[in-house]
Amino acid sequence: MEPVKSVKMGANIVISGSDKAAVEAAAKALVAKGAKLLSKVEPLGSNWVVTCEDPEDRSRECKVVKLGLQLMVKGPNKAVVTGKAQELVHRGAKLVSAPSEAADGSWVAVCDDAAQVYKW
């Protein structure tokens, strides 16, 4: 029997293994750390698989606010804001202000959205 494997995929973790009970135990341990189950344990070929939110991933806390032709990206830390700003730049926006720490401890970046890349 091979051990349970956990793979990070974006903001989620996919747990898989050949033993259903071991996969369920690994998912239960993540839930105890604050994760949310996104699927039930299900068979996939000869393995069992379950998907959970990563309890340590804070990217869901990042917000994008449209202000005229600019986008303000605000989040809990520099890495999250940098990632979202890079995503917007990749879609055609122009970075106007690199991520910087705000007075309230959050991080903010500003992008120019002249190309209207972020659809509401």
Protein backbone atom coordinates (compact mmCIF):
# COMPACT_ATOMS: atom_id res chain seq x y z
CA MET A 1 0.00 0.00 0.00
CA GLU A 2 1.51 3.36 -1.00
CA PRO A 3 1.27 6.36 1.35
CA VAL A 4 -1.17 9.21 1.01
CA LYS A 5 0.00 12.02 -1.28
CA SER A 6 -0.98 15.69 -0.93
CA VAL A 7 -0.55 17.98 -3.92
CA LYS A 8 -1.11 21.75 -3.84
CA MET A 9 -3.13 22.93 -6.83
CA GLY A 10 -3.72 26.67 -6.73
CA ALA A 11 -5.48 27.51 -3.47
CA ASN A 12 -6.49 23.86 -2.93
CA ILE A 13 -4.91 20.61 -1.83
CA VAL A 14 -5.70 17.28 -3.50
CA ILE A 15 -5.16 14.25 -1.26
CA SER A 16 -4.92 10.82 -2.86
CA GLY A 17 -3.97 7.30 -1.91
CA SER A 18 -4.91 3.66 -2.30
CA ASP A 19 -6.36 3.36 1.23
CA LYS A 20 -9.68 5.18 1.69
CA ALA A 21 -9.30 5.39 5.48
CA ALA A 22 -5.83 6.97 5.17
CA VAL A 23 -7.14 9.57 2.69
CA GLU A 24 -10.06 10.35 5.01
CA ALA A 25 -7.66 10.71 7.97
CA ALA A 26 -5.42 13.11 6.03
CA ALA A 27 -8.45 15.18 5.02
CA LYS A 28 -9.70 15.20 8.63
CA ALA A 29 -6.29 16.46 9.80
CA LEU A 30 -6.46 19.34 7.28
CA VAL A 31 -10.01 20.21 8.38
CA ALA A 32 -8.74 20.34 11.97
CA LYS A 33 -6.24 22.99 10.78
CA GLY A 34 -9.05 25.08 9.30
CA ALA A 35 -9.40 23.68 5.79
CA LYS A 36 -12.78 23.28 4.13
CA LEU A 37 -13.66 20.09 2.26
CA LEU A 38 -14.46 20.82 -1.38
CA SER A 39 -15.38 17.25 -2.34
CA LYS A 40 -16.13 13.96 -0.69
CA VAL A 41 -13.67 11.07 -0.78
CA GLU A 42 -14.27 9.35 -4.09
CA PRO A 43 -12.61 6.55 -6.06
CA LEU A 44 -10.40 7.50 -9.01
CA GLY A 45 -8.94 4.47 -10.72
CA SER A 46 -7.24 2.40 -8.02
CA ASN A 47 -6.94 5.39 -5.66
CA TRP A 48 -9.18 7.47 -3.42
CA VAL A 49 -9.18 11.26 -3.85
CA VAL A 50 -10.50 14.26 -1.91
CA THR A 51 -10.01 18.01 -2.44
CA CYS A 52 -9.73 20.60 0.34
CA GLU A 53 -9.04 24.31 0.56
CA ASP A 54 -5.48 24.98 1.70
CA PRO A 55 -5.93 26.43 5.21
CA GLU A 56 -2.70 28.42 4.86
CA ASP A 57 -3.50 29.97 1.48
CA ARG A 58 -4.71 33.54 1.95
CA SER A 59 -5.19 34.39 -1.74
CA ARG A 60 -8.99 34.37 -1.32
CA GLU A 61 -8.59 37.39 0.94
CA CYS A 62 -7.20 39.46 -1.97
CA LYS A 63 -9.71 41.94 -3.38
CA VAL A 64 -9.66 43.91 -6.63
CA VAL A 65 -11.57 47.19 -6.71
CA LYS A 66 -12.15 49.09 -9.96
CA LEU A 67 -11.65 52.85 -9.61
CA GLY A 68 -12.28 54.48 -12.99
CA LEU A 69 -9.65 53.03 -15.32
CA GLN A 70 -7.52 51.73 -12.47
CA LEU A 71 -7.63 48.59 -10.39
CA MET A 72 -6.67 48.62 -6.73
CA VAL A 73 -5.44 45.23 -5.52
CA LYS A 74 -5.61 44.85 -1.73
CA GLY A 75 -4.65 41.80 0.30
CA PRO A 76 -3.22 40.44 3.53
CA ASN A 77 0.42 40.18 2.45
CA LYS A 78 2.86 41.20 -0.26
CA ALA A 79 2.98 37.76 -1.92
CA VAL A 80 -0.79 37.56 -2.42
CA VAL A 81 -1.03 41.11 -3.81
CA THR A 82 1.99 40.58 -6.06
CA GLY A 83 0.45 37.40 -7.48
CA LYS A 84 -2.89 39.03 -8.23
CA ALA A 85 -1.20 42.11 -9.76
CA GLN A 86 0.94 39.84 -11.97
CA GLU A 87 -2.21 38.01 -13.06
CA LEU A 88 -3.79 41.33 -14.10
CA VAL A 89 -0.61 42.43 -15.93
CA HIS A 90 -0.57 39.11 -17.76
CA ARG A 91 -4.13 39.85 -18.91
CA GLY A 92 -3.13 43.26 -20.30
CA ALA A 93 -3.15 45.71 -17.38
CA LYS A 94 -0.15 47.92 -16.62
CA LEU A 95 1.35 48.02 -13.14
CA VAL A 96 1.21 51.63 -11.90
CA SER A 97 2.22 51.14 -8.27
CA ALA A 98 4.09 48.09 -6.98
CA PRO A 99 2.76 46.42 -3.82
CA SER A 100 3.35 48.50 -0.72
CA GLU A 101 2.21 48.19 2.87
CA ALA A 102 -0.78 50.33 3.88
CA ALA A 103 -1.27 51.95 7.28
CA ASP A 104 -3.66 49.18 8.36
CA GLY A 105 -1.06 46.45 7.69
CA SER A 106 -2.62 45.26 4.44
CA TRP A 107 -0.80 45.47 1.10
CA VAL A 108 -1.93 47.46 -1.95
CA ALA A 109 -0.92 47.64 -5.62
CA VAL A 110 -2.46 49.71 -8.41
CA CYS A 111 -2.83 48.72 -12.06
CA ASP A 112 -4.03 50.71 -15.08
CA ASP A 113 -6.98 48.96 -16.69
CA ALA A 114 -7.15 50.89 -19.96
CA ALA A 115 -7.56 47.55 -21.75
CA GLN A 116 -10.56 46.66 -19.53
CA VAL A 117 -8.95 43.30 -18.71
CA TYR A 118 -10.85 42.63 -15.53
CA LYS A 119 -14.48 41.90 -16.36
CA TRP A 120 -17.07 42.42 -13.65
